C-alpha atoms as a PDB file:
ATOM      1  CA  UNK A   1      17.477   0.220 -23.780  1.00  0.00           C
ATOM      2  CA  UNK A   2      13.950  -0.905 -22.968  1.00  0.00           C
ATOM      3  CA  UNK A   3      12.210  -0.577 -19.610  1.00  0.00           C
ATOM      4  CA  UNK A   4       9.297  -2.843 -18.761  1.00  0.00           C
ATOM      5  CA  UNK A   5       7.094  -1.237 -16.127  1.00  0.00           C
ATOM      6  CA  UNK A   6       4.974  -3.764 -14.260  1.00  0.00           C
ATOM      7  CA  UNK A   7       1.511  -2.260 -13.921  1.00  0.00           C
ATOM      8  CA  UNK A   8      -0.802  -5.246 -14.158  1.00  0.00           C
ATOM      9  CA  UNK A   9      -1.909  -5.628 -10.548  1.00  0.00           C
ATOM     10  CA  UNK A  10      -5.310  -4.754  -9.135  1.00  0.00           C
ATOM     11  CA  UNK A  11      -4.061  -2.961  -6.011  1.00  0.00           C
ATOM     12  CA  UNK A  12      -6.527  -4.807  -3.790  1.00  0.00           C
ATOM     13  CA  UNK A  13      -5.019  -3.459  -0.566  1.00  0.00           C
ATOM     14  CA  UNK A  14      -5.917   0.056  -1.723  1.00  0.00           C
ATOM     15  CA  UNK A  15      -9.551  -0.726  -2.500  1.00  0.00           C
ATOM     16  CA  UNK A  16     -12.023   0.969  -2.877  1.00  0.00           C
ATOM     17  CA  UNK A  17      -9.739   3.507  -4.612  1.00  0.00           C
ATOM     18  CA  UNK A  18      -8.784   0.838  -7.136  1.00  0.00           C
ATOM     19  CA  UNK A  19     -12.386  -0.101  -7.869  1.00  0.00           C
ATOM     20  CA  UNK A  20     -12.473   2.927 -10.159  1.00  0.00           C
ATOM     21  CA  UNK A  21      -8.825   3.739 -10.891  1.00  0.00           C
ATOM     22  CA  UNK A  22      -5.791   1.705 -11.983  1.00  0.00           C
ATOM     23  CA  UNK A  23      -3.244   1.583  -9.170  1.00  0.00           C
ATOM     24  CA  UNK A  24      -0.440   3.241 -11.234  1.00  0.00           C
ATOM     25  CA  UNK A  25      -2.851   6.122 -11.897  1.00  0.00           C
ATOM     26  CA  UNK A  26      -3.461   6.893  -8.220  1.00  0.00           C
ATOM     27  CA  UNK A  27      -2.298  10.488  -7.703  1.00  0.00           C
ATOM     28  CA  UNK A  28       0.674  11.685  -5.685  1.00  0.00           C
ATOM     29  CA  UNK A  29       0.860  15.481  -5.499  1.00  0.00           C
ATOM     30  CA  UNK A  30      -1.890  15.447  -8.156  1.00  0.00           C
ATOM     31  CA  UNK A  31       0.191  13.434 -10.653  1.00  0.00           C
ATOM     32  CA  UNK A  32      -0.234   9.724 -11.421  1.00  0.00           C
ATOM     33  CA  UNK A  33       2.110   7.520  -9.436  1.00  0.00           C
ATOM     34  CA  UNK A  34       3.579   6.015 -12.606  1.00  0.00           C
ATOM     35  CA  UNK A  35       4.676   9.462 -13.835  1.00  0.00           C
ATOM     36  CA  UNK A  36       7.438   9.654 -11.226  1.00  0.00           C
ATOM     37  CA  UNK A  37       8.977   6.436 -12.497  1.00  0.00           C
ATOM     38  CA  UNK A  38       8.761   7.516 -16.135  1.00  0.00           C
ATOM     39  CA  UNK A  39      10.413  10.851 -15.303  1.00  0.00           C
ATOM     40  CA  UNK A  40      13.307   9.005 -13.619  1.00  0.00           C
ATOM     41  CA  UNK A  41      14.181   7.016 -16.761  1.00  0.00           C
ATOM     42  CA  UNK A  42      17.050   8.096 -19.048  1.00  0.00           C
ATOM     43  CA  UNK A  43      15.583  10.122 -21.963  1.00  0.00           C
ATOM     44  CA  UNK A  44      16.293   7.531 -24.672  1.00  0.00           C
ATOM     45  CA  UNK A  45      14.579   4.666 -22.831  1.00  0.00           C
ATOM     46  CA  UNK A  46      11.875   2.774 -24.721  1.00  0.00           C
ATOM     47  CA  UNK A  47       8.956   2.281 -22.332  1.00  0.00           C
ATOM     48  CA  UNK A  48       6.805  -0.857 -22.301  1.00  0.00           C
ATOM     49  CA  UNK A  49       4.034  -0.992 -19.710  1.00  0.00           C
ATOM     50  CA  UNK A  50       2.794  -4.461 -18.805  1.00  0.00           C
ATOM     51  CA  UNK A  51      -0.855  -3.832 -17.979  1.00  0.00           C
ATOM     52  CA  UNK A  52      -4.099  -5.680 -17.480  1.00  0.00           C
ATOM     53  CA  UNK A  53      -6.649  -4.098 -15.130  1.00  0.00           C
ATOM     54  CA  UNK A  54      -7.970  -0.749 -16.423  1.00  0.00           C
ATOM     55  CA  UNK A  55      -5.182  -0.470 -18.978  1.00  0.00           C
ATOM     56  CA  UNK A  56      -7.285   2.031 -20.968  1.00  0.00           C
ATOM     57  CA  UNK A  57      -6.664   4.617 -18.223  1.00  0.00           C
ATOM     58  CA  UNK A  58      -2.919   4.285 -18.793  1.00  0.00           C
ATOM     59  CA  UNK A  59      -3.372   4.548 -22.553  1.00  0.00           C
ATOM     60  CA  UNK A  60      -5.483   7.683 -22.215  1.00  0.00           C
ATOM     61  CA  UNK A  61      -2.949   9.295 -19.881  1.00  0.00           C
ATOM     62  CA  UNK A  62      -0.017   8.551 -22.181  1.00  0.00           C
ATOM     63  CA  UNK A  63      -1.907   9.867 -25.227  1.00  0.00           C
ATOM     64  CA  UNK A  64      -3.032  13.024 -23.464  1.00  0.00           C
ATOM     65  CA  UNK A  65       0.470  13.832 -22.224  1.00  0.00           C
ATOM     66  CA  UNK A  66       2.503  12.876 -25.274  1.00  0.00           C
ATOM     67  CA  UNK A  67       4.284  10.001 -23.526  1.00  0.00           C
ATOM     68  CA  UNK A  68       5.722   7.535 -26.011  1.00  0.00           C
ATOM     69  CA  UNK A  69       4.956   4.263 -24.260  1.00  0.00           C
ATOM     70  CA  UNK A  70       3.691   0.893 -25.436  1.00  0.00           C
ATOM     71  CA  UNK A  71       0.928  -0.590 -23.291  1.00  0.00           C
ATOM     72  CA  UNK A  72       1.355  -4.347 -23.599  1.00  0.00           C
ATOM     73  CA  UNK A  73      -1.780  -6.151 -22.404  1.00  0.00           C
ATOM     74  CA  UNK A  74      -1.657  -9.316 -20.319  1.00  0.00           C
ATOM     75  CA  UNK A  75      -4.461 -11.742 -21.171  1.00  0.00           C
ATOM     76  CA  UNK A  76      -4.499 -12.589 -17.463  1.00  0.00           C
ATOM     77  CA  UNK A  77      -2.167 -11.916 -14.504  1.00  0.00           C
ATOM     78  CA  UNK A  78       1.174 -13.532 -15.345  1.00  0.00           C
ATOM     79  CA  UNK A  79       3.397 -12.640 -12.384  1.00  0.00           C
ATOM     80  CA  UNK A  80       6.516 -10.510 -12.457  1.00  0.00           C
ATOM     81  CA  UNK A  81       8.410 -12.840 -14.819  1.00  0.00           C
ATOM     82  CA  UNK A  82       5.457 -13.915 -16.940  1.00  0.00           C
ATOM     83  CA  UNK A  83       4.625 -10.272 -17.668  1.00  0.00           C
ATOM     84  CA  UNK A  84       8.206  -9.728 -18.838  1.00  0.00           C
ATOM     85  CA  UNK A  85       8.140 -12.756 -21.150  1.00  0.00           C
ATOM     86  CA  UNK A  86       4.810 -11.577 -22.545  1.00  0.00           C
ATOM     87  CA  UNK A  87       6.558  -8.355 -23.631  1.00  0.00           C
ATOM     88  CA  UNK A  88       9.719 -10.074 -24.931  1.00  0.00           C
ATOM     89  CA  UNK A  89       9.014  -9.162 -28.571  1.00  0.00           C
ATOM     90  CA  UNK A  90       9.868  -5.555 -27.705  1.00  0.00           C
ATOM     91  CA  UNK A  91      13.220  -6.389 -26.079  1.00  0.00           C
ATOM     92  CA  UNK A  92      16.455  -6.429 -28.077  1.00  0.00           C
ATOM     93  CA  UNK A  93      19.219  -6.393 -25.450  1.00  0.00           C
ATOM     94  CA  UNK A  94      19.889  -5.535 -21.797  1.00  0.00           C
ATOM     95  CA  UNK A  95      16.666  -4.204 -20.286  1.00  0.00           C
ATOM     96  CA  UNK A  96      15.079  -2.870 -17.115  1.00  0.00           C
ATOM     97  CA  UNK A  97      12.135  -4.236 -15.153  1.00  0.00           C
ATOM     98  CA  UNK A  98      10.535  -1.725 -12.783  1.00  0.00           C
ATOM     99  CA  UNK A  99       7.590  -1.908 -10.427  1.00  0.00           C
ATOM    100  CA  UNK A 100       5.125   0.927 -10.961  1.00  0.00           C
ATOM    101  CA  UNK A 101       4.205   1.225  -7.276  1.00  0.00           C
ATOM    102  CA  UNK A 102       7.697   1.996  -5.968  1.00  0.00           C
ATOM    103  CA  UNK A 103       8.581   5.599  -5.156  1.00  0.00           C
ATOM    104  CA  UNK A 104      12.319   5.961  -4.593  1.00  0.00           C
ATOM    105  CA  UNK A 105      15.479   8.005  -5.092  1.00  0.00           C
ATOM    106  CA  UNK A 106      17.142   5.295  -7.210  1.00  0.00           C
ATOM    107  CA  UNK A 107      19.377   6.845  -9.889  1.00  0.00           C
ATOM    108  CA  UNK A 108      18.502   4.568 -12.782  1.00  0.00           C
ATOM    109  CA  UNK A 109      21.403   5.714 -14.959  1.00  0.00           C
ATOM    110  CA  UNK A 110      23.932   4.807 -12.243  1.00  0.00           C
ATOM    111  CA  UNK A 111      22.073   1.540 -11.664  1.00  0.00           C
ATOM    112  CA  UNK A 112      22.555   0.598 -15.334  1.00  0.00           C
ATOM    113  CA  UNK A 113      26.202   1.649 -15.270  1.00  0.00           C
ATOM    114  CA  UNK A 114      26.808  -0.563 -12.223  1.00  0.00           C
ATOM    115  CA  UNK A 115      25.257  -3.537 -14.045  1.00  0.00           C
ATOM    116  CA  UNK A 116      27.511  -2.992 -17.043  1.00  0.00           C
ATOM    117  CA  UNK A 117      30.652  -2.499 -14.939  1.00  0.00           C
ATOM    118  CA  UNK A 118      30.051  -5.757 -13.060  1.00  0.00           C
ATOM    119  CA  UNK A 119      29.295  -7.609 -16.315  1.00  0.00           C
ATOM    120  CA  UNK A 120      26.291  -8.988 -14.498  1.00  0.00           C
ATOM    121  CA  UNK A 121      23.513 -11.109 -15.904  1.00  0.00           C
ATOM    122  CA  UNK A 122      21.133  -9.767 -13.264  1.00  0.00           C
ATOM    123  CA  UNK A 123      21.384  -6.702 -11.037  1.00  0.00           C
ATOM    124  CA  UNK A 124      18.673  -5.807  -8.552  1.00  0.00           C
ATOM    125  CA  UNK A 125      18.226  -2.675  -6.466  1.00  0.00           C
ATOM    126  CA  UNK A 126      18.577  -3.126  -2.700  1.00  0.00           C
ATOM    127  CA  UNK A 127      17.217  -1.144   0.225  1.00  0.00           C
ATOM    128  CA  UNK A 128      18.209  -1.384   3.923  1.00  0.00           C
ATOM    129  CA  UNK A 129      15.546  -2.160   6.517  1.00  0.00           C
ATOM    130  CA  UNK A 130      15.548  -2.475  10.297  1.00  0.00           C
ATOM    131  CA  UNK A 131      12.852  -5.126  10.561  1.00  0.00           C
ATOM    132  CA  UNK A 132      14.626  -7.919   8.648  1.00  0.00           C
ATOM    133  CA  UNK A 133      12.313 -10.499  10.197  1.00  0.00           C
ATOM    134  CA  UNK A 134       9.487  -9.303   7.935  1.00  0.00           C
ATOM    135  CA  UNK A 135      11.334  -9.621   4.608  1.00  0.00           C
ATOM    136  CA  UNK A 136      13.472 -11.790   2.412  1.00  0.00           C
ATOM    137  CA  UNK A 137      17.011 -10.422   2.702  1.00  0.00           C
ATOM    138  CA  UNK A 138      20.037 -10.974   0.492  1.00  0.00           C
ATOM    139  CA  UNK A 139      23.252 -12.775   1.346  1.00  0.00           C
ATOM    140  CA  UNK A 140      25.745 -10.546  -0.455  1.00  0.00           C
ATOM    141  CA  UNK A 141      29.553 -10.589  -0.587  1.00  0.00           C
ATOM    142  CA  UNK A 142      31.876  -7.597  -0.286  1.00  0.00           C
ATOM    143  CA  UNK A 143      31.955  -7.177  -4.080  1.00  0.00           C
ATOM    144  CA  UNK A 144      28.186  -6.881  -4.319  1.00  0.00           C
ATOM    145  CA  UNK A 145      27.505 -10.378  -5.650  1.00  0.00           C
ATOM    146  CA  UNK A 146      24.352 -11.982  -4.265  1.00  0.00           C
ATOM    147  CA  UNK A 147      24.771 -15.571  -3.134  1.00  0.00           C
ATOM    148  CA  UNK A 148      21.208 -16.303  -2.039  1.00  0.00           C
ATOM    149  CA  UNK A 149      18.001 -14.911  -0.579  1.00  0.00           C
ATOM    150  CA  UNK A 150      17.099 -15.683   3.035  1.00  0.00           C
ATOM    151  CA  UNK A 151      13.390 -15.465   3.832  1.00  0.00           C
ATOM    152  CA  UNK A 152      12.403 -13.723   7.078  1.00  0.00           C
ATOM    153  CA  UNK A 153      15.532 -14.532   9.103  1.00  0.00           C
ATOM    154  CA  UNK A 154      15.880 -13.883  12.803  1.00  0.00           C
ATOM    155  CA  UNK A 155      17.598 -10.576  13.367  1.00  0.00           C
ATOM    156  CA  UNK A 156      20.821 -12.151  14.672  1.00  0.00           C
ATOM    157  CA  UNK A 157      20.869 -14.673  11.806  1.00  0.00           C
ATOM    158  CA  UNK A 158      20.279 -12.227   8.955  1.00  0.00           C
ATOM    159  CA  UNK A 159      23.156 -12.177   6.423  1.00  0.00           C
ATOM    160  CA  UNK A 160      22.498  -8.466   5.756  1.00  0.00           C
ATOM    161  CA  UNK A 161      19.816  -5.809   6.222  1.00  0.00           C
ATOM    162  CA  UNK A 162      19.201  -5.410   2.475  1.00  0.00           C
ATOM    163  CA  UNK A 163      15.972  -6.353   0.679  1.00  0.00           C
ATOM    164  CA  UNK A 164      14.851  -6.454  -2.941  1.00  0.00           C
ATOM    165  CA  UNK A 165      13.801  -2.898  -3.833  1.00  0.00           C
ATOM    166  CA  UNK A 166      11.876  -3.711  -7.015  1.00  0.00           C
ATOM    167  CA  UNK A 167      14.151  -2.522  -9.853  1.00  0.00           C
ATOM    168  CA  UNK A 168      15.994  -5.030 -12.061  1.00  0.00           C
ATOM    169  CA  UNK A 169      18.545  -4.771 -14.850  1.00  0.00           C
ATOM    170  CA  UNK A 170      18.653  -7.989 -16.879  1.00  0.00           C
ATOM    171  CA  UNK A 171      20.596  -9.378 -19.774  1.00  0.00           C
ATOM    172  CA  UNK A 172      18.552 -10.557 -22.732  1.00  0.00           C
ATOM    173  CA  UNK A 173      19.295 -14.263 -22.223  1.00  0.00           C
ATOM    174  CA  UNK A 174      17.530 -14.222 -18.825  1.00  0.00           C
ATOM    175  CA  UNK A 175      14.358 -14.482 -20.906  1.00  0.00           C
ATOM    176  CA  UNK A 176      15.312 -18.124 -21.524  1.00  0.00           C
ATOM    177  CA  UNK A 177      14.560 -18.830 -17.863  1.00  0.00           C
ATOM    178  CA  UNK A 178      10.906 -17.838 -18.292  1.00  0.00           C
ATOM    179  CA  UNK A 179       8.403 -20.190 -19.972  1.00  0.00           C
ATOM    180  CA  UNK A 180       5.808 -18.723 -22.342  1.00  0.00           C
ATOM    181  CA  UNK A 181       2.249 -18.024 -21.237  1.00  0.00           C
ATOM    182  CA  UNK A 182       2.583 -19.074 -17.603  1.00  0.00           C
ATOM    183  CA  UNK A 183       2.328 -17.310 -14.254  1.00  0.00           C
ATOM    184  CA  UNK A 184       5.966 -17.056 -13.157  1.00  0.00           C
ATOM    185  CA  UNK A 185       7.570 -15.104 -10.326  1.00  0.00           C
ATOM    186  CA  UNK A 186      10.872 -13.419 -11.081  1.00  0.00           C
ATOM    187  CA  UNK A 187      11.716 -13.315  -7.392  1.00  0.00           C
ATOM    188  CA  UNK A 188      10.643 -16.801  -6.311  1.00  0.00           C
ATOM    189  CA  UNK A 189      11.463 -18.846  -9.416  1.00  0.00           C
ATOM    190  CA  UNK A 190      13.805 -17.101 -11.866  1.00  0.00           C
ATOM    191  CA  UNK A 191      16.293 -15.378  -9.569  1.00  0.00           C
ATOM    192  CA  UNK A 192      17.031 -18.422  -7.361  1.00  0.00           C
ATOM    193  CA  UNK A 193      17.674 -20.510 -10.496  1.00  0.00           C
ATOM    194  CA  UNK A 194      20.018 -17.884 -11.946  1.00  0.00           C
ATOM    195  CA  UNK A 195      22.020 -17.892  -8.688  1.00  0.00           C
ATOM    196  CA  UNK A 196      22.047 -21.699  -8.568  1.00  0.00           C
ATOM    197  CA  UNK A 197      23.410 -21.794 -12.105  1.00  0.00           C
ATOM    198  CA  UNK A 198      26.315 -19.612 -11.008  1.00  0.00           C
ATOM    199  CA  UNK A 199      25.602 -16.647 -13.253  1.00  0.00           C
ATOM    200  CA  UNK A 200      26.824 -13.224 -12.042  1.00  0.00           C
ATOM    201  CA  UNK A 201      23.968 -11.820  -9.956  1.00  0.00           C
ATOM    202  CA  UNK A 202      24.612  -8.479  -8.262  1.00  0.00           C
ATOM    203  CA  UNK A 203      22.902  -6.077  -5.889  1.00  0.00           C
ATOM    204  CA  UNK A 204      22.955  -2.283  -6.051  1.00  0.00           C
ATOM    205  CA  UNK A 205      22.166  -0.417  -2.841  1.00  0.00           C
ATOM    206  CA  UNK A 206      21.376   3.287  -2.810  1.00  0.00           C
ATOM    207  CA  UNK A 207      20.708   6.142  -0.397  1.00  0.00           C
ATOM    208  CA  UNK A 208      17.793   8.517  -0.102  1.00  0.00           C
ATOM    209  CA  UNK A 209      14.266   7.137   0.134  1.00  0.00           C
ATOM    210  CA  UNK A 210      12.232   4.112  -0.884  1.00  0.00           C
ATOM    211  CA  UNK A 211       8.524   3.457  -0.392  1.00  0.00           C
ATOM    212  CA  UNK A 212       6.461   0.527  -1.605  1.00  0.00           C
ATOM    213  CA  UNK A 213       3.031   2.107  -2.150  1.00  0.00           C
ATOM    214  CA  UNK A 214       1.010  -0.983  -1.322  1.00  0.00           C
ATOM    215  CA  UNK A 215      -1.194   0.164   1.516  1.00  0.00           C
ATOM    216  CA  UNK A 216      -3.044   3.316   2.522  1.00  0.00           C
ATOM    217  CA  UNK A 217      -0.418   4.136   5.149  1.00  0.00           C
ATOM    218  CA  UNK A 218       2.499   3.920   2.696  1.00  0.00           C
ATOM    219  CA  UNK A 219       0.503   5.823   0.051  1.00  0.00           C
ATOM    220  CA  UNK A 220       0.007   8.707   2.483  1.00  0.00           C
ATOM    221  CA  UNK A 221       3.646   8.438   3.577  1.00  0.00           C
ATOM    222  CA  UNK A 222       4.805   8.749  -0.048  1.00  0.00           C
ATOM    223  CA  UNK A 223       2.653  11.829  -0.553  1.00  0.00           C
ATOM    224  CA  UNK A 224       4.023  13.446   2.599  1.00  0.00           C
ATOM    225  CA  UNK A 225       7.611  12.591   1.635  1.00  0.00           C
ATOM    226  CA  UNK A 226       7.279  14.125  -1.829  1.00  0.00           C
ATOM    227  CA  UNK A 227       5.811  17.277  -0.313  1.00  0.00           C
ATOM    228  CA  UNK A 228       8.782  17.507   2.043  1.00  0.00           C
ATOM    229  CA  UNK A 229      11.302  16.895  -0.751  1.00  0.00           C
ATOM    230  CA  UNK A 230       9.785  19.787  -2.686  1.00  0.00           C
ATOM    231  CA  UNK A 231       9.576  22.097   0.320  1.00  0.00           C
ATOM    232  CA  UNK A 232       5.777  22.262   0.102  1.00  0.00           C
ATOM    233  CA  UNK A 233       3.318  22.434   2.993  1.00  0.00           C
ATOM    234  CA  UNK A 234       0.525  21.245   0.695  1.00  0.00           C
ATOM    235  CA  UNK A 235      -0.263  20.613  -2.963  1.00  0.00           C
ATOM    236  CA  UNK A 236      -3.398  22.428  -4.139  1.00  0.00           C
ATOM    237  CA  UNK A 237      -4.935  21.721  -7.548  1.00  0.00           C
ATOM    238  CA  UNK A 238      -6.573  24.148  -9.929  1.00  0.00           C
ATOM    239  CA  UNK A 239      -9.951  25.841  -9.425  1.00  0.00           C
ATOM    240  CA  UNK A 240     -10.156  25.080  -5.719  1.00  0.00           C
ATOM    241  CA  UNK A 241     -11.951  27.054  -3.009  1.00  0.00           C
ATOM    242  CA  UNK A 242     -10.044  26.710   0.245  1.00  0.00           C
ATOM    243  CA  UNK A 243     -11.478  28.366   3.350  1.00  0.00           C
ATOM    244  CA  UNK A 244     -10.273  25.803   5.875  1.00  0.00           C
ATOM    245  CA  UNK A 245      -6.789  24.681   6.928  1.00  0.00           C
ATOM    246  CA  UNK A 246      -4.749  22.266   4.805  1.00  0.00           C
ATOM    247  CA  UNK A 247      -1.515  20.770   6.147  1.00  0.00           C
ATOM    248  CA  UNK A 248       0.807  18.060   4.736  1.00  0.00           C
ATOM    249  CA  UNK A 249      -1.854  17.086   2.209  1.00  0.00           C
ATOM    250  CA  UNK A 250      -2.668  17.028  -1.497  1.00  0.00           C
ATOM    251  CA  UNK A 251      -5.894  18.559  -2.750  1.00  0.00           C
ATOM    252  CA  UNK A 252      -7.039  17.732  -6.292  1.00  0.00           C
ATOM    253  CA  UNK A 253      -8.589  20.016  -8.902  1.00  0.00           C
ATOM    254  CA  UNK A 254     -11.984  21.567  -8.322  1.00  0.00           C
ATOM    255  CA  UNK A 255     -12.155  20.858  -4.593  1.00  0.00           C
ATOM    256  CA  UNK A 256     -14.017  22.945  -2.041  1.00  0.00           C
ATOM    257  CA  UNK A 257     -12.841  23.086   1.577  1.00  0.00           C
ATOM    258  CA  UNK A 258     -15.316  24.875   3.810  1.00  0.00           C
ATOM    259  CA  UNK A 259     -14.776  27.337   6.617  1.00  0.00           C
ATOM    260  CA  UNK A 260     -12.928  25.957   9.665  1.00  0.00           C
ATOM    261  CA  UNK A 261     -12.519  22.538   8.019  1.00  0.00           C
ATOM    262  CA  UNK A 262      -9.167  20.856   8.731  1.00  0.00           C
ATOM    263  CA  UNK A 263      -7.276  18.562   6.373  1.00  0.00           C
ATOM    264  CA  UNK A 264      -4.075  16.971   7.708  1.00  0.00           C
ATOM    265  CA  UNK A 265      -1.768  14.320   6.251  1.00  0.00           C
ATOM    266  CA  UNK A 266      -4.350  13.264   3.680  1.00  0.00           C
ATOM    267  CA  UNK A 267      -4.953  12.927  -0.052  1.00  0.00           C
ATOM    268  CA  UNK A 268      -8.071  14.327  -1.715  1.00  0.00           C
ATOM    269  CA  UNK A 269      -8.777  13.576  -5.364  1.00  0.00           C
ATOM    270  CA  UNK A 270     -10.558  15.913  -7.811  1.00  0.00           C
ATOM    271  CA  UNK A 271     -13.913  17.557  -7.068  1.00  0.00           C
ATOM    272  CA  UNK A 272     -14.115  16.624  -3.395  1.00  0.00           C
ATOM    273  CA  UNK A 273     -16.302  18.759  -1.121  1.00  0.00           C
ATOM    274  CA  UNK A 274     -15.386  19.094   2.547  1.00  0.00           C
ATOM    275  CA  UNK A 275     -18.026  21.130   4.332  1.00  0.00           C
ATOM    276  CA  UNK A 276     -17.432  23.548   7.201  1.00  0.00           C
ATOM    277  CA  UNK A 277     -16.020  22.281  10.506  1.00  0.00           C
ATOM    278  CA  UNK A 278     -15.230  18.841   9.034  1.00  0.00           C
ATOM    279  CA  UNK A 279     -11.941  17.108   9.918  1.00  0.00           C
ATOM    280  CA  UNK A 280      -9.972  14.728   7.703  1.00  0.00           C
ATOM    281  CA  UNK A 281      -6.759  13.159   9.030  1.00  0.00           C
ATOM    282  CA  UNK A 282      -4.512  10.387   7.674  1.00  0.00           C
ATOM    283  CA  UNK A 283      -7.105   9.512   5.046  1.00  0.00           C
ATOM    284  CA  UNK A 284      -7.711   9.308   1.304  1.00  0.00           C
ATOM    285  CA  UNK A 285     -10.878  10.664  -0.293  1.00  0.00           C
ATOM    286  CA  UNK A 286     -11.611   9.765  -3.925  1.00  0.00           C
ATOM    287  CA  UNK A 287     -13.185  12.034  -6.547  1.00  0.00           C
ATOM    288  CA  UNK A 288     -16.694  13.527  -6.288  1.00  0.00           C
ATOM    289  CA  UNK A 289     -17.098  12.593  -2.626  1.00  0.00           C
ATOM    290  CA  UNK A 290     -18.619  14.793   0.057  1.00  0.00           C
ATOM    291  CA  UNK A 291     -17.614  15.004   3.700  1.00  0.00           C
ATOM    292  CA  UNK A 292     -20.514  16.770   5.332  1.00  0.00           C
ATOM    293  CA  UNK A 293     -20.544  19.535   7.914  1.00  0.00           C
ATOM    294  CA  UNK A 294     -18.858  18.627  11.209  1.00  0.00           C
ATOM    295  CA  UNK A 295     -17.945  15.104  10.107  1.00  0.00           C
ATOM    296  CA  UNK A 296     -14.683  13.492  11.217  1.00  0.00           C
ATOM    297  CA  UNK A 297     -12.702  11.111   9.004  1.00  0.00           C
ATOM    298  CA  UNK A 298      -9.559   9.495  10.409  1.00  0.00           C
ATOM    299  CA  UNK A 299      -7.364   6.684   9.049  1.00  0.00           C
ATOM    300  CA  UNK A 300      -9.936   5.829   6.408  1.00  0.00           C
ATOM    301  CA  UNK A 301     -10.410   5.449   2.649  1.00  0.00           C
ATOM    302  CA  UNK A 302     -13.458   6.984   1.002  1.00  0.00           C
ATOM    303  CA  UNK A 303     -14.330   5.602  -2.440  1.00  0.00           C
ATOM    304  CA  UNK A 304     -15.403   7.642  -5.438  1.00  0.00           C
ATOM    305  CA  UNK A 305     -18.739   9.432  -5.221  1.00  0.00           C
ATOM    306  CA  UNK A 306     -19.389   8.635  -1.570  1.00  0.00           C
ATOM    307  CA  UNK A 307     -20.916  10.798   1.162  1.00  0.00           C
ATOM    308  CA  UNK A 308     -19.796  10.825   4.795  1.00  0.00           C
ATOM    309  CA  UNK A 309     -21.938  12.143   7.621  1.00  0.00           C
ATOM    310  CA  UNK A 310     -20.664  11.622  11.149  1.00  0.00           C
ATOM    311  CA  UNK A 311     -17.435  10.233  12.575  1.00  0.00           C
ATOM    312  CA  UNK A 312     -15.519   7.303  11.099  1.00  0.00           C
ATOM    313  CA  UNK A 313     -12.115   5.846  11.896  1.00  0.00           C
ATOM    314  CA  UNK A 314     -10.211   2.995  10.252  1.00  0.00           C
ATOM    315  CA  UNK A 315     -12.933   2.347   7.673  1.00  0.00           C
ATOM    316  CA  UNK A 316     -13.197   1.809   3.935  1.00  0.00           C
ATOM    317  CA  UNK A 317     -16.335   3.437   2.576  1.00  0.00           C
ATOM    318  CA  UNK A 318     -17.903   1.963  -0.573  1.00  0.00           C
ATOM    319  CA  UNK A 319     -21.680   1.746  -0.900  1.00  0.00           C
ATOM    320  CA  UNK A 320     -21.935   0.496  -4.497  1.00  0.00           C
ATOM    321  CA  UNK A 321     -21.345  -2.894  -6.088  1.00  0.00           C
ATOM    322  CA  UNK A 322     -17.771  -4.122  -6.327  1.00  0.00           C
ATOM    323  CA  UNK A 323     -16.725  -4.142  -9.997  1.00  0.00           C
ATOM    324  CA  UNK A 324     -17.250  -7.441 -11.755  1.00  0.00           C
ATOM    325  CA  UNK A 325     -14.097  -9.556 -11.836  1.00  0.00           C
ATOM    326  CA  UNK A 326     -12.320  -7.624  -9.104  1.00  0.00           C
ATOM    327  CA  UNK A 327     -10.463 -10.195  -6.956  1.00  0.00           C
ATOM    328  CA  UNK A 328     -11.075 -10.733  -3.262  1.00  0.00           C
ATOM    329  CA  UNK A 329      -7.379 -11.098  -2.506  1.00  0.00           C
ATOM    330  CA  UNK A 330      -4.046  -9.940  -3.860  1.00  0.00           C
ATOM    331  CA  UNK A 331      -2.933 -11.570  -7.111  1.00  0.00           C
ATOM    332  CA  UNK A 332      -0.801 -10.642 -10.120  1.00  0.00           C
ATOM    333  CA  UNK A 333       2.575  -8.921 -10.049  1.00  0.00           C
ATOM    334  CA  UNK A 334       3.401  -9.429  -6.405  1.00  0.00           C
ATOM    335  CA  UNK A 335       7.019  -8.611  -5.575  1.00  0.00           C
ATOM    336  CA  UNK A 336       8.671 -10.771  -2.953  1.00  0.00           C
ATOM    337  CA  UNK A 337      11.031  -8.624  -0.920  1.00  0.00           C
END
């Protein structure tokens, strides 16, 4: 079986981190985000990564770690369905489509088995939410068959509390629903047509955890959750000098945390310097940055190679030019939930 991992987006909501790093390569517990998804796949799965922005970083990571994956370039953003059609030459039967920015407890083997048992044409993963008014929810029958999607219903009118959780198992002939070379949304265009045509379309709900790593807050939440799942108070990289206090955080390789500095619920990339008495809370600091003595960083994102002196809160720090071609708003493989 093949698995197409959608990794073509820019990750604009996580800028300036994504000015210098592909979103799937952003670290969680000092490992690229995409590695957790790859590790969850059944061993015999053929991996195709639909990529565009900074795809060379993915290629270098796969080569360096002996990961047998095909990086299939998109000439331009093609949407969740267009990216799949662009990789169709690698598909020879039932296949998976997975979003690279989802961290979850989905058992992919059981997900595939459910699809086969139901003799479905499409099966999607489902996750329960409390705030149904903010999502598209599924109208699903007692046998698990999805009848339609209902966009942002009122709480008392919602047909369920289940939303699209970003993993799909599809039969080969679903490719016929996707035109060549166009921007097409699987969620907004293909799935509604499949349901309208009366093909068996099922939902698979699961327990555990599910996080869409789309914003700084959910990125930090995913890091904290993985620490908790592994029984770790913190993740510390290699060749670090830690004199301060680190709690519920990840610290990359080669970092230096000065005396009486405090790091809480944060993510630091490689080679970050935090000088004495500095405080970092609920923040992300990219590689080769310096947080100077006594500075305070809260609820902020510090881009690569930046220097902070003083107190900041709720800011994104980037003093250099924005990379050429980087979009001003979110485009590409946007998943409608």
